Amino acid sequence: MMAESQVAATETQASAEPAQLPENHPLVTALATLKRENAAYKVQVARVTELEEANATLETQLAEARLEGVRGRIAVAHGLTQDDAALLMGSEQEMETLARRLAGNPVAPCAEPVAGTQAGYAPELGRVVSIPVAGGDESETSRAFSDFLDNITK
């Protein structure tokens, strides 16, 4: 008898197909609801992925725009031509160093001018110079500046 029941059980297992539940069964309706929610989530995930890619693109463009702004500021500060400004690459410090070299000004601008003078960049000389400043009277200042200009153009 034992052998007959094992054979019967084996035949039942071999021929057993998944049971088909009716459409209104709670498991069937729950599965359908989960499939709809899953489809909605897939759409949302695709949208989030699209937005993350757009954000990454915008962050790259912003970094490039900031770098271009720094490049322009440095080029203007050193009186570089547009062609020379195009050569400025790398970090801000590297661009600053190259800009000074391109402008012919290897020395950094003076932080503190010498007493009785004012620091100023002389592009025709390609360097920072100390401009004499006379005290009080406007005509003295004008004369001192004229003398200074005469000295540097000789």
N, C-alpha and C. Protein backbone atom coordinates (compact mmCIF):
# COMPACT_ATOMS: atom_id res chain seq x y z
N MET A 1 0.79 -1.18 0.00
CA MET A 1 0.00 0.00 0.00
C MET A 1 0.84 1.26 0.00
N MET A 2 1.90 1.14 0.71
CA MET A 2 2.78 2.27 0.80
C MET A 2 3.32 2.64 -0.57
N ALA A 3 3.64 1.65 -1.35
CA ALA A 3 4.18 1.90 -2.67
C ALA A 3 3.14 2.53 -3.56
N GLU A 4 1.88 2.12 -3.44
CA GLU A 4 0.81 2.69 -4.26
C GLU A 4 0.59 4.16 -3.92
N SER A 5 0.64 4.51 -2.66
CA SER A 5 0.43 5.90 -2.27
C SER A 5 1.59 6.78 -2.72
N GLN A 6 2.80 6.24 -2.70
CA GLN A 6 3.95 7.01 -3.18
C GLN A 6 3.86 7.23 -4.68
N VAL A 7 3.42 6.22 -5.42
CA VAL A 7 3.25 6.35 -6.86
C VAL A 7 2.17 7.36 -7.16
N ALA A 8 1.09 7.31 -6.44
CA ALA A 8 -0.01 8.25 -6.65
C ALA A 8 0.42 9.66 -6.34
N ALA A 9 1.19 9.82 -5.29
CA ALA A 9 1.68 11.16 -4.91
C ALA A 9 2.63 11.69 -5.97
N THR A 10 3.49 10.82 -6.50
CA THR A 10 4.42 11.23 -7.54
C THR A 10 3.68 11.63 -8.80
N GLU A 11 2.66 10.89 -9.18
CA GLU A 11 1.86 11.22 -10.37
C GLU A 11 1.15 12.55 -10.17
N THR A 12 0.66 12.78 -8.97
CA THR A 12 -0.05 14.03 -8.69
C THR A 12 0.92 15.21 -8.78
N GLN A 13 2.11 15.04 -8.26
CA GLN A 13 3.10 16.11 -8.31
C GLN A 13 3.54 16.38 -9.74
N ALA A 14 3.69 15.35 -10.53
CA ALA A 14 4.15 15.52 -11.90
C ALA A 14 3.09 16.19 -12.75
N SER A 15 1.85 15.85 -12.53
CA SER A 15 0.79 16.43 -13.35
C SER A 15 0.22 17.70 -12.74
N ALA A 16 0.67 18.08 -11.59
CA ALA A 16 0.12 19.25 -10.92
C ALA A 16 0.60 20.53 -11.60
N GLU A 17 -0.33 21.34 -11.97
CA GLU A 17 -0.06 22.66 -12.53
C GLU A 17 -0.47 23.68 -11.49
N PRO A 18 0.05 24.90 -11.61
CA PRO A 18 -0.36 25.90 -10.62
C PRO A 18 -1.86 26.11 -10.65
N ALA A 19 -2.41 26.28 -9.51
CA ALA A 19 -3.85 26.47 -9.42
C ALA A 19 -4.20 27.86 -9.95
N GLN A 20 -5.24 27.96 -10.71
CA GLN A 20 -5.71 29.24 -11.26
C GLN A 20 -6.77 29.77 -10.32
N LEU A 21 -6.47 30.94 -9.76
CA LEU A 21 -7.41 31.54 -8.83
C LEU A 21 -8.40 32.40 -9.61
N PRO A 22 -9.60 32.58 -9.09
CA PRO A 22 -10.56 33.44 -9.78
C PRO A 22 -10.10 34.91 -9.75
N GLU A 23 -10.56 35.66 -10.73
CA GLU A 23 -10.17 37.07 -10.89
C GLU A 23 -10.50 37.92 -9.67
N ASN A 24 -11.51 37.60 -8.95
CA ASN A 24 -11.90 38.41 -7.79
C ASN A 24 -11.27 37.94 -6.49
N HIS A 25 -10.34 37.00 -6.57
CA HIS A 25 -9.67 36.50 -5.37
C HIS A 25 -8.76 37.61 -4.83
N PRO A 26 -8.68 37.77 -3.50
CA PRO A 26 -7.87 38.84 -2.91
C PRO A 26 -6.39 38.81 -3.34
N LEU A 27 -5.84 37.64 -3.51
CA LEU A 27 -4.43 37.56 -3.95
C LEU A 27 -4.27 38.05 -5.38
N VAL A 28 -5.21 37.74 -6.25
CA VAL A 28 -5.16 38.16 -7.64
C VAL A 28 -5.31 39.68 -7.73
N THR A 29 -6.23 40.25 -6.98
CA THR A 29 -6.42 41.71 -7.02
C THR A 29 -5.21 42.42 -6.40
N ALA A 30 -4.64 41.85 -5.34
CA ALA A 30 -3.45 42.45 -4.72
C ALA A 30 -2.28 42.43 -5.70
N LEU A 31 -2.12 41.32 -6.42
CA LEU A 31 -1.05 41.22 -7.41
C LEU A 31 -1.23 42.25 -8.52
N ALA A 32 -2.43 42.43 -9.00
CA ALA A 32 -2.71 43.41 -10.04
C ALA A 32 -2.40 44.83 -9.54
N THR A 33 -2.76 45.12 -8.30
CA THR A 33 -2.48 46.44 -7.72
C THR A 33 -0.97 46.66 -7.61
N LEU A 34 -0.25 45.65 -7.16
CA LEU A 34 1.20 45.77 -7.05
C LEU A 34 1.87 45.97 -8.41
N LYS A 35 1.35 45.31 -9.44
CA LYS A 35 1.91 45.48 -10.78
C LYS A 35 1.70 46.91 -11.28
N ARG A 36 0.51 47.48 -11.02
CA ARG A 36 0.24 48.86 -11.43
C ARG A 36 1.16 49.84 -10.68
N GLU A 37 1.31 49.62 -9.37
CA GLU A 37 2.18 50.49 -8.58
C GLU A 37 3.63 50.37 -9.05
N ASN A 38 4.06 49.15 -9.35
CA ASN A 38 5.41 48.92 -9.84
C ASN A 38 5.65 49.67 -11.15
N ALA A 39 4.68 49.65 -12.04
CA ALA A 39 4.80 50.37 -13.32
C ALA A 39 4.92 51.87 -13.07
N ALA A 40 4.11 52.38 -12.12
CA ALA A 40 4.17 53.81 -11.80
C ALA A 40 5.54 54.16 -11.21
N TYR A 41 6.08 53.30 -10.35
CA TYR A 41 7.39 53.54 -9.75
C TYR A 41 8.49 53.52 -10.81
N LYS A 42 8.36 52.63 -11.78
CA LYS A 42 9.36 52.58 -12.85
C LYS A 42 9.39 53.89 -13.62
N VAL A 43 8.22 54.47 -13.88
CA VAL A 43 8.14 55.76 -14.56
C VAL A 43 8.81 56.84 -13.71
N GLN A 44 8.54 56.82 -12.40
CA GLN A 44 9.14 57.81 -11.51
C GLN A 44 10.66 57.63 -11.42
N VAL A 45 11.13 56.40 -11.39
CA VAL A 45 12.57 56.15 -11.34
C VAL A 45 13.23 56.66 -12.62
N ALA A 46 12.58 56.45 -13.76
CA ALA A 46 13.12 56.94 -15.03
C ALA A 46 13.20 58.47 -15.01
N ARG A 47 12.18 59.11 -14.45
CA ARG A 47 12.16 60.58 -14.37
C ARG A 47 13.26 61.09 -13.43
N VAL A 48 13.44 60.43 -12.29
CA VAL A 48 14.49 60.83 -11.35
C VAL A 48 15.86 60.66 -12.00
N THR A 49 16.06 59.56 -12.70
CA THR A 49 17.33 59.34 -13.40
C THR A 49 17.58 60.44 -14.43
N GLU A 50 16.55 60.79 -15.16
CA GLU A 50 16.66 61.87 -16.16
C GLU A 50 17.02 63.19 -15.48
N LEU A 51 16.38 63.49 -14.35
CA LEU A 51 16.67 64.73 -13.63
C LEU A 51 18.09 64.73 -13.06
N GLU A 52 18.54 63.58 -12.56
CA GLU A 52 19.90 63.50 -12.03
C GLU A 52 20.93 63.73 -13.14
N GLU A 53 20.68 63.20 -14.32
CA GLU A 53 21.59 63.42 -15.45
C GLU A 53 21.59 64.89 -15.86
N ALA A 54 20.40 65.50 -15.89
CA ALA A 54 20.30 66.93 -16.23
C ALA A 54 21.03 67.77 -15.19
N ASN A 55 20.88 67.41 -13.92
CA ASN A 55 21.56 68.13 -12.85
C ASN A 55 23.07 68.02 -12.99
N ALA A 56 23.56 66.84 -13.30
CA ALA A 56 25.00 66.66 -13.48
C ALA A 56 25.51 67.51 -14.64
N THR A 57 24.74 67.58 -15.72
CA THR A 57 25.11 68.40 -16.87
C THR A 57 25.17 69.88 -16.47
N LEU A 58 24.15 70.33 -15.72
CA LEU A 58 24.12 71.73 -15.29
C LEU A 58 25.27 72.05 -14.34
N GLU A 59 25.60 71.11 -13.45
CA GLU A 59 26.73 71.35 -12.55
C GLU A 59 28.04 71.47 -13.33
N THR A 60 28.20 70.67 -14.36
CA THR A 60 29.39 70.75 -15.21
C THR A 60 29.43 72.09 -15.93
N GLN A 61 28.30 72.52 -16.47
CA GLN A 61 28.24 73.80 -17.17
C GLN A 61 28.52 74.96 -16.21
N LEU A 62 28.01 74.86 -14.98
CA LEU A 62 28.25 75.90 -13.98
C LEU A 62 29.73 75.99 -13.64
N ALA A 63 30.36 74.84 -13.45
CA ALA A 63 31.80 74.83 -13.15
C ALA A 63 32.59 75.44 -14.29
N GLU A 64 32.21 75.11 -15.53
CA GLU A 64 32.90 75.68 -16.69
C GLU A 64 32.69 77.18 -16.76
N ALA A 65 31.47 77.64 -16.46
CA ALA A 65 31.18 79.08 -16.49
C ALA A 65 31.97 79.82 -15.41
N ARG A 66 32.06 79.22 -14.22
CA ARG A 66 32.85 79.84 -13.16
C ARG A 66 34.32 79.92 -13.56
N LEU A 67 34.83 78.85 -14.13
CA LEU A 67 36.23 78.84 -14.57
C LEU A 67 36.45 79.90 -15.65
N GLU A 68 35.51 80.04 -16.56
CA GLU A 68 35.61 81.06 -17.61
C GLU A 68 35.58 82.46 -16.99
N GLY A 69 34.76 82.64 -15.95
CA GLY A 69 34.73 83.94 -15.25
C GLY A 69 36.05 84.25 -14.58
N VAL A 70 36.63 83.26 -13.93
CA VAL A 70 37.94 83.45 -13.30
C VAL A 70 38.98 83.76 -14.36
N ARG A 71 38.95 83.02 -15.46
CA ARG A 71 39.91 83.25 -16.56
C ARG A 71 39.76 84.70 -17.07
N GLY A 72 38.53 85.14 -17.27
CA GLY A 72 38.31 86.50 -17.76
C GLY A 72 38.78 87.56 -16.78
N ARG A 73 38.49 87.33 -15.49
CA ARG A 73 38.89 88.30 -14.46
C ARG A 73 40.42 88.40 -14.42
N ILE A 74 41.09 87.27 -14.48
CA ILE A 74 42.56 87.27 -14.43
C ILE A 74 43.12 87.93 -15.69
N ALA A 75 42.54 87.63 -16.85
CA ALA A 75 43.02 88.22 -18.10
C ALA A 75 42.88 89.73 -18.08
N VAL A 76 41.76 90.22 -17.60
CA VAL A 76 41.54 91.67 -17.54
C VAL A 76 42.49 92.30 -16.54
N ALA A 77 42.67 91.65 -15.39
CA ALA A 77 43.56 92.20 -14.36
C ALA A 77 44.99 92.35 -14.86
N HIS A 78 45.40 91.48 -15.78
CA HIS A 78 46.76 91.53 -16.29
C HIS A 78 46.86 92.14 -17.68
N GLY A 79 45.75 92.63 -18.20
CA GLY A 79 45.77 93.29 -19.50
C GLY A 79 46.12 92.36 -20.65
N LEU A 80 45.68 91.11 -20.57
CA LEU A 80 46.00 90.14 -21.62
C LEU A 80 45.08 90.29 -22.82
N THR A 81 45.59 89.91 -23.97
CA THR A 81 44.76 89.89 -25.18
C THR A 81 43.86 88.66 -25.10
N GLN A 82 42.88 88.62 -25.99
CA GLN A 82 41.96 87.49 -26.02
C GLN A 82 42.70 86.19 -26.35
N ASP A 83 43.68 86.27 -27.24
CA ASP A 83 44.48 85.09 -27.59
C ASP A 83 45.29 84.59 -26.40
N ASP A 84 45.88 85.53 -25.65
CA ASP A 84 46.64 85.14 -24.46
C ASP A 84 45.72 84.57 -23.39
N ALA A 85 44.55 85.16 -23.24
CA ALA A 85 43.59 84.68 -22.23
C ALA A 85 43.16 83.25 -22.53
N ALA A 86 43.10 82.88 -23.80
CA ALA A 86 42.71 81.52 -24.17
C ALA A 86 43.75 80.49 -23.71
N LEU A 87 44.96 80.93 -23.44
CA LEU A 87 46.01 80.02 -22.99
C LEU A 87 45.91 79.69 -21.51
N LEU A 88 45.11 80.46 -20.77
CA LEU A 88 45.01 80.25 -19.32
C LEU A 88 44.19 78.99 -19.04
N MET A 89 44.84 78.01 -18.43
CA MET A 89 44.21 76.73 -18.09
C MET A 89 44.63 76.34 -16.68
N GLY A 90 43.93 75.38 -16.10
CA GLY A 90 44.30 74.85 -14.79
C GLY A 90 43.57 75.54 -13.67
N SER A 91 44.17 75.51 -12.49
CA SER A 91 43.56 76.12 -11.31
C SER A 91 43.70 77.64 -11.38
N GLU A 92 43.02 78.32 -10.48
CA GLU A 92 43.10 79.78 -10.45
C GLU A 92 44.52 80.24 -10.20
N GLN A 93 45.22 79.56 -9.30
CA GLN A 93 46.61 79.92 -9.01
C GLN A 93 47.49 79.71 -10.23
N GLU A 94 47.29 78.62 -10.95
CA GLU A 94 48.09 78.35 -12.15
C GLU A 94 47.80 79.40 -13.22
N MET A 95 46.52 79.78 -13.37
CA MET A 95 46.17 80.81 -14.36
C MET A 95 46.79 82.14 -13.98
N GLU A 96 46.78 82.46 -12.68
CA GLU A 96 47.35 83.72 -12.20
C GLU A 96 48.85 83.77 -12.51
N THR A 97 49.54 82.69 -12.26
CA THR A 97 50.98 82.62 -12.52
C THR A 97 51.27 82.78 -14.01
N LEU A 98 50.53 82.06 -14.83
CA LEU A 98 50.73 82.16 -16.28
C LEU A 98 50.39 83.55 -16.79
N ALA A 99 49.33 84.14 -16.26
CA ALA A 99 48.94 85.49 -16.69
C ALA A 99 50.04 86.50 -16.38
N ARG A 100 50.66 86.37 -15.21
CA ARG A 100 51.77 87.29 -14.88
C ARG A 100 52.91 87.11 -15.86
N ARG A 101 53.20 85.85 -16.21
CA ARG A 101 54.29 85.60 -17.16
C ARG A 101 53.94 86.15 -18.54
N LEU A 102 52.71 85.93 -18.98
CA LEU A 102 52.29 86.43 -20.30
C LEU A 102 52.29 87.94 -20.36
N ALA A 103 51.98 88.57 -19.23
CA ALA A 103 51.94 90.03 -19.18
C ALA A 103 53.34 90.61 -18.98
N GLY A 104 54.32 89.74 -18.79
CA GLY A 104 55.68 90.23 -18.57
C GLY A 104 55.88 90.74 -17.17
N ASN A 105 55.07 90.28 -16.24
CA ASN A 105 55.14 90.74 -14.86
C ASN A 105 55.33 89.55 -13.93
N PRO A 106 56.55 89.06 -13.79
CA PRO A 106 56.78 87.89 -12.97
C PRO A 106 56.62 88.15 -11.48
N VAL A 107 56.58 89.41 -11.07
CA VAL A 107 56.47 89.75 -9.66
C VAL A 107 55.01 90.01 -9.33
N ALA A 108 54.55 89.49 -8.23
CA ALA A 108 53.18 89.73 -7.79
C ALA A 108 53.02 91.21 -7.44
N PRO A 109 51.82 91.76 -7.63
CA PRO A 109 51.59 93.17 -7.30
C PRO A 109 51.90 93.44 -5.83
N CYS A 110 52.38 94.66 -5.55
CA CYS A 110 52.72 95.05 -4.19
C CYS A 110 51.46 95.12 -3.34
N ALA A 111 51.54 94.55 -2.16
CA ALA A 111 50.40 94.64 -1.25
C ALA A 111 50.41 95.99 -0.55
N GLU A 112 51.60 96.44 -0.14
CA GLU A 112 51.72 97.71 0.56
C GLU A 112 52.69 98.61 -0.20
N PRO A 113 52.22 99.74 -0.71
CA PRO A 113 53.14 100.65 -1.39
C PRO A 113 54.11 101.29 -0.40
N VAL A 114 55.23 101.70 -0.91
CA VAL A 114 56.23 102.40 -0.10
C VAL A 114 55.64 103.74 0.32
N ALA A 115 56.04 104.24 1.50
CA ALA A 115 55.53 105.51 2.01
C ALA A 115 55.75 106.62 0.97
N GLY A 116 54.72 107.41 0.75
CA GLY A 116 54.81 108.50 -0.21
C GLY A 116 54.58 108.07 -1.65
N THR A 117 54.22 106.81 -1.84
CA THR A 117 53.95 106.31 -3.19
C THR A 117 52.64 105.53 -3.20
N GLN A 118 52.23 105.22 -4.39
CA GLN A 118 51.04 104.41 -4.58
C GLN A 118 51.39 103.32 -5.60
N ALA A 119 51.03 102.06 -5.30
CA ALA A 119 51.35 100.98 -6.23
C ALA A 119 50.44 101.06 -7.44
N GLY A 120 50.99 100.82 -8.60
CA GLY A 120 50.21 100.82 -9.83
C GLY A 120 50.86 99.94 -10.87
N TYR A 121 50.06 99.35 -11.70
CA TYR A 121 50.58 98.49 -12.75
C TYR A 121 50.83 99.33 -13.99
N ALA A 122 52.04 99.27 -14.51
CA ALA A 122 52.40 100.00 -15.72
C ALA A 122 52.47 99.00 -16.86
N PRO A 123 51.39 98.87 -17.67
CA PRO A 123 51.39 97.86 -18.72
C PRO A 123 52.50 98.05 -19.74
N GLU A 124 52.89 99.30 -20.00
CA GLU A 124 53.95 99.53 -20.98
C GLU A 124 55.30 99.01 -20.48
N LEU A 125 55.43 98.93 -19.14
CA LEU A 125 56.65 98.37 -18.56
C LEU A 125 56.47 96.89 -18.23
N GLY A 126 55.23 96.47 -18.14
CA GLY A 126 54.94 95.09 -17.80
C GLY A 126 55.25 94.74 -16.36
N ARG A 127 55.12 95.72 -15.46
CA ARG A 127 55.41 95.44 -14.06
C ARG A 127 54.68 96.44 -13.16
N VAL A 128 54.70 96.13 -11.87
CA VAL A 128 54.13 97.03 -10.88
C VAL A 128 55.18 98.07 -10.53
N VAL A 129 54.73 99.30 -10.45
CA VAL A 129 55.65 100.39 -10.12
C VAL A 129 55.07 101.18 -8.96
N SER A 130 55.92 101.94 -8.30
CA SER A 130 55.46 102.83 -7.24
C SER A 130 55.31 104.23 -7.82
N ILE A 131 54.12 104.76 -7.74
CA ILE A 131 53.84 106.09 -8.28
C ILE A 131 53.95 107.08 -7.14
N PRO A 132 54.79 108.11 -7.28
CA PRO A 132 54.92 109.09 -6.19
C PRO A 132 53.62 109.86 -5.98
N VAL A 133 53.32 110.08 -4.73
CA VAL A 133 52.12 110.85 -4.38
C VAL A 133 52.59 112.01 -3.53
N ALA A 134 52.35 113.22 -4.02
CA ALA A 134 52.72 114.41 -3.27
C ALA A 134 51.61 114.70 -2.26
N GLY A 135 51.93 115.36 -1.21
CA GLY A 135 50.94 115.64 -0.18
C GLY A 135 50.16 116.91 -0.45
N GLY A 136 48.92 116.94 0.04
CA GLY A 136 48.10 118.13 0.09
C GLY A 136 47.68 118.74 -1.23
N ASP A 137 48.51 119.57 -1.81
CA ASP A 137 48.17 120.40 -2.96
C ASP A 137 47.98 119.57 -4.22
N GLU A 138 46.91 119.83 -4.93
CA GLU A 138 46.60 119.07 -6.15
C GLU A 138 47.63 119.34 -7.25
N SER A 139 48.16 120.55 -7.30
CA SER A 139 49.16 120.86 -8.33
C SER A 139 50.45 120.10 -8.06
N GLU A 140 50.80 119.90 -6.78
CA GLU A 140 51.99 119.12 -6.46
C GLU A 140 51.82 117.67 -6.90
N THR A 141 50.63 117.13 -6.66
CA THR A 141 50.36 115.76 -7.06
C THR A 141 50.44 115.63 -8.57
N SER A 142 49.86 116.57 -9.28
CA SER A 142 49.92 116.57 -10.73
C SER A 142 51.35 116.65 -11.23
N ARG A 143 52.13 117.53 -10.64
CA ARG A 143 53.52 117.70 -11.05
C ARG A 143 54.32 116.44 -10.76
N ALA A 144 54.10 115.84 -9.58
CA ALA A 144 54.83 114.63 -9.21
C ALA A 144 54.48 113.48 -10.17
N PHE A 145 53.23 113.40 -10.52
CA PHE A 145 52.81 112.34 -11.43
C PHE A 145 53.37 112.59 -12.84
N SER A 146 53.36 113.83 -13.28
CA SER A 146 53.95 114.17 -14.59
C SER A 146 55.44 113.83 -14.61
N ASP A 147 56.14 114.18 -13.53
CA ASP A 147 57.57 113.85 -13.46
C ASP A 147 57.78 112.34 -13.52
N PHE A 148 56.92 111.62 -12.83
CA PHE A 148 57.02 110.17 -12.83
C PHE A 148 56.82 109.62 -14.25
N LEU A 149 55.80 110.11 -14.94
CA LEU A 149 55.55 109.65 -16.31
C LEU A 149 56.71 109.99 -17.23
N ASP A 150 57.29 111.15 -17.06
CA ASP A 150 58.45 111.54 -17.86
C ASP A 150 59.60 110.56 -17.62
N ASN A 151 59.80 110.16 -16.38
CA ASN A 151 60.91 109.26 -16.04
C ASN A 151 60.71 107.87 -16.62
N ILE A 152 59.49 107.37 -16.63
CA ILE A 152 59.32 105.99 -17.10
C ILE A 152 59.26 105.91 -18.62
N THR A 153 58.97 107.00 -19.29
CA THR A 153 58.90 106.95 -20.76
C THR A 153 60.24 107.25 -21.40
N LYS A 154 61.22 107.65 -20.64
CA LYS A 154 62.54 107.97 -21.22
C LYS A 154 63.31 106.71 -21.48
